[in-house]
């Protein structure tokens, strides 16, 4: 599985990008996107996805 950032709710705060152990998150057009080919939902690194844990907007990052 992979996660997705809902662009319409992303504030562009950048809190998620440095938390990704797979370097799957990058900025694009003022918001952030997750590369589904790189996203593992932090499996093997953490118990929970770190981007979701640090995102200040509830429901901004969802499972695809």
PDB file of N, CA and C in Angstrom:
ATOM      1  N   UNK A   1       0.847  -1.185   0.000  1.00  0.00           N
ATOM      2  CA  UNK A   1       0.000   0.000   0.000  1.00  0.00           C
ATOM      3  C   UNK A   1       0.887   1.241   0.000  1.00  0.00           C
ATOM      4  N   UNK A   2       0.253   2.340  -0.271  1.00  0.00           N
ATOM      5  CA  UNK A   2       0.957   3.621  -0.249  1.00  0.00           C
ATOM      6  C   UNK A   2       0.013   4.676   0.298  1.00  0.00           C
ATOM      7  N   UNK A   3       0.588   5.798   0.656  1.00  0.00           N
ATOM      8  CA  UNK A   3      -0.197   6.918   1.156  1.00  0.00           C
ATOM      9  C   UNK A   3      -0.251   7.999   0.089  1.00  0.00           C
ATOM     10  N   UNK A   4      -1.241   8.891   0.226  1.00  0.00           N
ATOM     11  CA  UNK A   4      -1.415   9.990  -0.710  1.00  0.00           C
ATOM     12  C   UNK A   4      -1.724  11.250   0.077  1.00  0.00           C
ATOM     13  N   UNK A   5      -1.159  12.357  -0.357  1.00  0.00           N
ATOM     14  CA  UNK A   5      -1.455  13.652   0.242  1.00  0.00           C
ATOM     15  C   UNK A   5      -2.558  14.298  -0.593  1.00  0.00           C
ATOM     16  N   UNK A   6      -3.632  14.685   0.054  1.00  0.00           N
ATOM     17  CA  UNK A   6      -4.740  15.359  -0.626  1.00  0.00           C
ATOM     18  C   UNK A   6      -4.308  16.812  -0.860  1.00  0.00           C
ATOM     19  N   UNK A   7      -4.025  17.151  -2.106  1.00  0.00           N
ATOM     20  CA  UNK A   7      -3.463  18.462  -2.442  1.00  0.00           C
ATOM     21  C   UNK A   7      -4.336  19.627  -1.982  1.00  0.00           C
ATOM     22  N   UNK A   8      -5.644  19.463  -2.048  1.00  0.00           N
ATOM     23  CA  UNK A   8      -6.542  20.563  -1.677  1.00  0.00           C
ATOM     24  C   UNK A   8      -6.521  20.868  -0.178  1.00  0.00           C
ATOM     25  N   UNK A   9      -6.014  19.935   0.637  1.00  0.00           N
ATOM     26  CA  UNK A   9      -5.946  20.184   2.082  1.00  0.00           C
ATOM     27  C   UNK A   9      -4.521  20.433   2.567  1.00  0.00           C
ATOM     28  N   UNK A  10      -3.529  20.167   1.715  1.00  0.00           N
ATOM     29  CA  UNK A  10      -2.122  20.349   2.094  1.00  0.00           C
ATOM     30  C   UNK A  10      -1.819  21.843   2.208  1.00  0.00           C
ATOM     31  N   UNK A  11      -1.226  22.232   3.341  1.00  0.00           N
ATOM     32  CA  UNK A  11      -0.876  23.639   3.558  1.00  0.00           C
ATOM     33  C   UNK A  11       0.531  23.964   3.085  1.00  0.00           C
ATOM     34  N   UNK A  12       1.286  22.958   2.668  1.00  0.00           N
ATOM     35  CA  UNK A  12       2.651  23.184   2.209  1.00  0.00           C
ATOM     36  C   UNK A  12       3.617  23.479   3.333  1.00  0.00           C
ATOM     37  N   UNK A  13       3.311  23.003   4.525  1.00  0.00           N
ATOM     38  CA  UNK A  13       4.130  23.314   5.709  1.00  0.00           C
ATOM     39  C   UNK A  13       5.485  22.607   5.709  1.00  0.00           C
ATOM     40  N   UNK A  14       5.625  21.541   4.958  1.00  0.00           N
ATOM     41  CA  UNK A  14       6.848  20.747   4.796  1.00  0.00           C
ATOM     42  C   UNK A  14       7.203  19.868   5.993  1.00  0.00           C
ATOM     43  N   UNK A  15       6.326  19.722   6.959  1.00  0.00           N
ATOM     44  CA  UNK A  15       6.616  18.895   8.138  1.00  0.00           C
ATOM     45  C   UNK A  15       6.828  17.432   7.762  1.00  0.00           C
ATOM     46  N   UNK A  16       6.144  16.965   6.747  1.00  0.00           N
ATOM     47  CA  UNK A  16       6.200  15.550   6.373  1.00  0.00           C
ATOM     48  C   UNK A  16       7.476  15.150   5.646  1.00  0.00           C
ATOM     49  N   UNK A  17       7.996  16.015   4.826  1.00  0.00           N
ATOM     50  CA  UNK A  17       9.118  15.652   3.949  1.00  0.00           C
ATOM     51  C   UNK A  17      10.333  15.089   4.691  1.00  0.00           C
ATOM     52  N   UNK A  18      10.853  15.746   5.714  1.00  0.00           N
ATOM     53  CA  UNK A  18      12.046  15.196   6.377  1.00  0.00           C
ATOM     54  C   UNK A  18      11.773  13.951   7.220  1.00  0.00           C
ATOM     55  N   UNK A  19      10.515  13.649   7.492  1.00  0.00           N
ATOM     56  CA  UNK A  19      10.165  12.493   8.318  1.00  0.00           C
ATOM     57  C   UNK A  19      10.135  11.182   7.544  1.00  0.00           C
ATOM     58  N   UNK A  20      10.089  11.247   6.220  1.00  0.00           N
ATOM     59  CA  UNK A  20       9.951  10.044   5.396  1.00  0.00           C
ATOM     60  C   UNK A  20      11.276   9.294   5.287  1.00  0.00           C
ATOM     61  N   UNK A  21      11.339   8.068   5.815  1.00  0.00           N
ATOM     62  CA  UNK A  21      12.585   7.306   5.748  1.00  0.00           C
ATOM     63  C   UNK A  21      12.908   6.802   4.343  1.00  0.00           C
ATOM     64  N   UNK A  22      11.941   6.868   3.435  1.00  0.00           N
ATOM     65  CA  UNK A  22      12.139   6.375   2.071  1.00  0.00           C
ATOM     66  C   UNK A  22      12.328   7.494   1.047  1.00  0.00           C
ATOM     67  N   UNK A  23      12.375   8.725   1.510  1.00  0.00           N
ATOM     68  CA  UNK A  23      12.505   9.898   0.645  1.00  0.00           C
ATOM     69  C   UNK A  23      11.435   9.863  -0.455  1.00  0.00           C
ATOM     70  N   UNK A  24      10.213   9.554  -0.057  1.00  0.00           N
ATOM     71  CA  UNK A  24       9.103   9.425  -1.006  1.00  0.00           C
ATOM     72  C   UNK A  24       8.276  10.702  -1.128  1.00  0.00           C
ATOM     73  N   UNK A  25       8.571  11.709  -0.311  1.00  0.00           N
ATOM     74  CA  UNK A  25       7.765  12.927  -0.298  1.00  0.00           C
ATOM     75  C   UNK A  25       8.581  14.081  -0.872  1.00  0.00           C
ATOM     76  N   UNK A  26       7.923  14.850  -1.783  1.00  0.00           N
ATOM     77  CA  UNK A  26       8.596  16.020  -2.340  1.00  0.00           C
ATOM     78  C   UNK A  26       7.567  17.125  -2.604  1.00  0.00           C
ATOM     79  N   UNK A  27       8.080  18.329  -2.747  1.00  0.00           N
ATOM     80  CA  UNK A  27       7.231  19.478  -3.019  1.00  0.00           C
ATOM     81  C   UNK A  27       6.956  19.572  -4.513  1.00  0.00           C
ATOM     82  N   UNK A  28       5.726  19.925  -4.843  1.00  0.00           N
ATOM     83  CA  UNK A  28       5.351  20.124  -6.248  1.00  0.00           C
ATOM     84  C   UNK A  28       4.232  21.153  -6.303  1.00  0.00           C
ATOM     85  N   UNK A  29       4.502  22.275  -6.871  1.00  0.00           N
ATOM     86  CA  UNK A  29       3.493  23.314  -7.052  1.00  0.00           C
ATOM     87  C   UNK A  29       2.942  23.890  -5.762  1.00  0.00           C
ATOM     88  N   UNK A  30       3.764  23.987  -4.731  1.00  0.00           N
ATOM     89  CA  UNK A  30       3.334  24.591  -3.475  1.00  0.00           C
ATOM     90  C   UNK A  30       2.730  23.628  -2.472  1.00  0.00           C
ATOM     91  N   UNK A  31       2.503  22.382  -2.885  1.00  0.00           N
ATOM     92  CA  UNK A  31       2.027  21.357  -1.952  1.00  0.00           C
ATOM     93  C   UNK A  31       2.989  20.176  -2.045  1.00  0.00           C
ATOM     94  N   UNK A  32       2.719  19.149  -1.275  1.00  0.00           N
ATOM     95  CA  UNK A  32       3.603  17.991  -1.255  1.00  0.00           C
ATOM     96  C   UNK A  32       2.910  16.772  -1.845  1.00  0.00           C
ATOM     97  N   UNK A  33       3.707  15.901  -2.456  1.00  0.00           N
ATOM     98  CA  UNK A  33       3.184  14.666  -3.040  1.00  0.00           C
ATOM     99  C   UNK A  33       4.020  13.495  -2.543  1.00  0.00           C
ATOM    100  N   UNK A  34       3.412  12.319  -2.558  1.00  0.00           N
ATOM    101  CA  UNK A  34       4.094  11.093  -2.158  1.00  0.00           C
ATOM    102  C   UNK A  34       4.250  10.205  -3.384  1.00  0.00           C
ATOM    103  N   UNK A  35       5.458   9.744  -3.630  1.00  0.00           N
ATOM    104  CA  UNK A  35       5.728   8.823  -4.731  1.00  0.00           C
ATOM    105  C   UNK A  35       5.274   7.437  -4.281  1.00  0.00           C
ATOM    106  N   UNK A  36       4.196   6.899  -4.882  1.00  0.00           N
ATOM    107  CA  UNK A  36       3.674   5.598  -4.445  1.00  0.00           C
ATOM    108  C   UNK A  36       4.654   4.451  -4.659  1.00  0.00           C
ATOM    109  N   UNK A  37       5.592   4.607  -5.570  1.00  0.00           N
ATOM    110  CA  UNK A  37       6.582   3.556  -5.812  1.00  0.00           C
ATOM    111  C   UNK A  37       7.606   3.472  -4.672  1.00  0.00           C
ATOM    112  N   UNK A  38       7.762   4.563  -3.923  1.00  0.00           N
ATOM    113  CA  UNK A  38       8.725   4.600  -2.820  1.00  0.00           C
ATOM    114  C   UNK A  38       8.076   4.450  -1.446  1.00  0.00           C
ATOM    115  N   UNK A  39       6.779   4.765  -1.339  1.00  0.00           N
ATOM    116  CA  UNK A  39       6.098   4.761  -0.041  1.00  0.00           C
ATOM    117  C   UNK A  39       5.814   3.341   0.448  1.00  0.00           C
ATOM    118  N   UNK A  40       6.235   3.064   1.667  1.00  0.00           N
ATOM    119  CA  UNK A  40       5.970   1.767   2.301  1.00  0.00           C
ATOM    120  C   UNK A  40       5.142   1.931   3.568  1.00  0.00           C
ATOM    121  N   UNK A  41       4.594   3.150   3.772  1.00  0.00           N
ATOM    122  CA  UNK A  41       3.873   3.490   5.001  1.00  0.00           C
ATOM    123  C   UNK A  41       4.778   3.292   6.219  1.00  0.00           C
ATOM    124  N   UNK A  42       6.078   3.478   6.016  1.00  0.00           N
ATOM    125  CA  UNK A  42       7.116   3.376   7.052  1.00  0.00           C
ATOM    126  C   UNK A  42       7.310   1.960   7.584  1.00  0.00           C
ATOM    127  N   UNK A  43       6.742   0.982   6.897  1.00  0.00           N
ATOM    128  CA  UNK A  43       6.895  -0.406   7.320  1.00  0.00           C
ATOM    129  C   UNK A  43       8.380  -0.782   7.331  1.00  0.00           C
ATOM    130  N   UNK A  44       8.799  -1.400   8.412  1.00  0.00           N
ATOM    131  CA  UNK A  44      10.199  -1.762   8.564  1.00  0.00           C
ATOM    132  C   UNK A  44      11.029  -0.686   9.234  1.00  0.00           C
ATOM    133  N   UNK A  45      10.447   0.507   9.379  1.00  0.00           N
ATOM    134  CA  UNK A  45      11.140   1.616  10.028  1.00  0.00           C
ATOM    135  C   UNK A  45      10.434   2.037  11.317  1.00  0.00           C
ATOM    136  N   UNK A  46       9.114   2.211  11.229  1.00  0.00           N
ATOM    137  CA  UNK A  46       8.305   2.693  12.348  1.00  0.00           C
ATOM    138  C   UNK A  46       6.996   1.903  12.408  1.00  0.00           C
ATOM    139  N   UNK A  47       6.327   1.975  13.546  1.00  0.00           N
ATOM    140  CA  UNK A  47       5.043   1.291  13.707  1.00  0.00           C
ATOM    141  C   UNK A  47       3.923   1.991  12.936  1.00  0.00           C
ATOM    142  N   UNK A  48       4.016   3.313  12.809  1.00  0.00           N
ATOM    143  CA  UNK A  48       2.997   4.113  12.131  1.00  0.00           C
ATOM    144  C   UNK A  48       3.651   5.033  11.109  1.00  0.00           C
ATOM    145  N   UNK A  49       2.924   5.411  10.054  1.00  0.00           N
ATOM    146  CA  UNK A  49       3.477   6.346   9.078  1.00  0.00           C
ATOM    147  C   UNK A  49       3.839   7.678   9.743  1.00  0.00           C
ATOM    148  N   UNK A  50       5.069   8.086   9.589  1.00  0.00           N
ATOM    149  CA  UNK A  50       5.548   9.294  10.245  1.00  0.00           C
ATOM    150  C   UNK A  50       4.986  10.572   9.650  1.00  0.00           C
ATOM    151  N   UNK A  51       4.689  10.565   8.355  1.00  0.00           N
ATOM    152  CA  UNK A  51       4.120  11.762   7.733  1.00  0.00           C
ATOM    153  C   UNK A  51       2.751  12.079   8.323  1.00  0.00           C
ATOM    154  N   UNK A  52       1.964  11.033   8.560  1.00  0.00           N
ATOM    155  CA  UNK A  52       0.639  11.218   9.157  1.00  0.00           C
ATOM    156  C   UNK A  52       0.779  11.752  10.589  1.00  0.00           C
ATOM    157  N   UNK A  53       1.756  11.236  11.313  1.00  0.00           N
ATOM    158  CA  UNK A  53       1.965  11.631  12.705  1.00  0.00           C
ATOM    159  C   UNK A  53       2.319  13.115  12.846  1.00  0.00           C
ATOM    160  N   UNK A  54       3.058  13.672  11.882  1.00  0.00           N
ATOM    161  CA  UNK A  54       3.488  15.071  11.999  1.00  0.00           C
ATOM    162  C   UNK A  54       2.618  16.057  11.225  1.00  0.00           C
ATOM    163  N   UNK A  55       1.749  15.582  10.359  1.00  0.00           N
ATOM    164  CA  UNK A  55       0.911  16.471   9.566  1.00  0.00           C
ATOM    165  C   UNK A  55      -0.077  17.215  10.459  1.00  0.00           C
ATOM    166  N   UNK A  56      -0.101  18.557  10.359  1.00  0.00           N
ATOM    167  CA  UNK A  56      -1.011  19.344  11.200  1.00  0.00           C
ATOM    168  C   UNK A  56      -2.469  19.344  10.712  1.00  0.00           C
ATOM    169  N   UNK A  57      -2.732  18.772   9.541  1.00  0.00           N
ATOM    170  CA  UNK A  57      -4.078  18.775   8.981  1.00  0.00           C
ATOM    171  C   UNK A  57      -4.655  17.362   9.041  1.00  0.00           C
ATOM    172  N   UNK A  58      -5.681  17.165   9.845  1.00  0.00           N
ATOM    173  CA  UNK A  58      -6.326  15.852   9.960  1.00  0.00           C
ATOM    174  C   UNK A  58      -6.916  15.432   8.617  1.00  0.00           C
ATOM    175  N   UNK A  59      -6.635  14.203   8.212  1.00  0.00           N
ATOM    176  CA  UNK A  59      -7.193  13.659   6.979  1.00  0.00           C
ATOM    177  C   UNK A  59      -6.503  14.093   5.711  1.00  0.00           C
ATOM    178  N   UNK A  60      -5.392  14.806   5.820  1.00  0.00           N
ATOM    179  CA  UNK A  60      -4.670  15.275   4.635  1.00  0.00           C
ATOM    180  C   UNK A  60      -3.932  14.126   3.953  1.00  0.00           C
ATOM    181  N   UNK A  61      -3.425  13.176   4.739  1.00  0.00           N
ATOM    182  CA  UNK A  61      -2.670  12.054   4.192  1.00  0.00           C
ATOM    183  C   UNK A  61      -3.503  10.789   4.397  1.00  0.00           C
ATOM    184  N   UNK A  62      -3.825  10.127   3.296  1.00  0.00           N
ATOM    185  CA  UNK A  62      -4.720   8.979   3.340  1.00  0.00           C
ATOM    186  C   UNK A  62      -4.116   7.773   2.623  1.00  0.00           C
ATOM    187  N   UNK A  63      -4.644   6.583   2.916  1.00  0.00           N
ATOM    188  CA  UNK A  63      -4.213   5.381   2.205  1.00  0.00           C
ATOM    189  C   UNK A  63      -4.847   5.355   0.826  1.00  0.00           C
ATOM    190  N   UNK A  64      -4.084   4.888  -0.143  1.00  0.00           N
ATOM    191  CA  UNK A  64      -4.575   4.807  -1.526  1.00  0.00           C
ATOM    192  C   UNK A  64      -5.267   3.478  -1.711  1.00  0.00           C
TER     193      UNK A  64
END
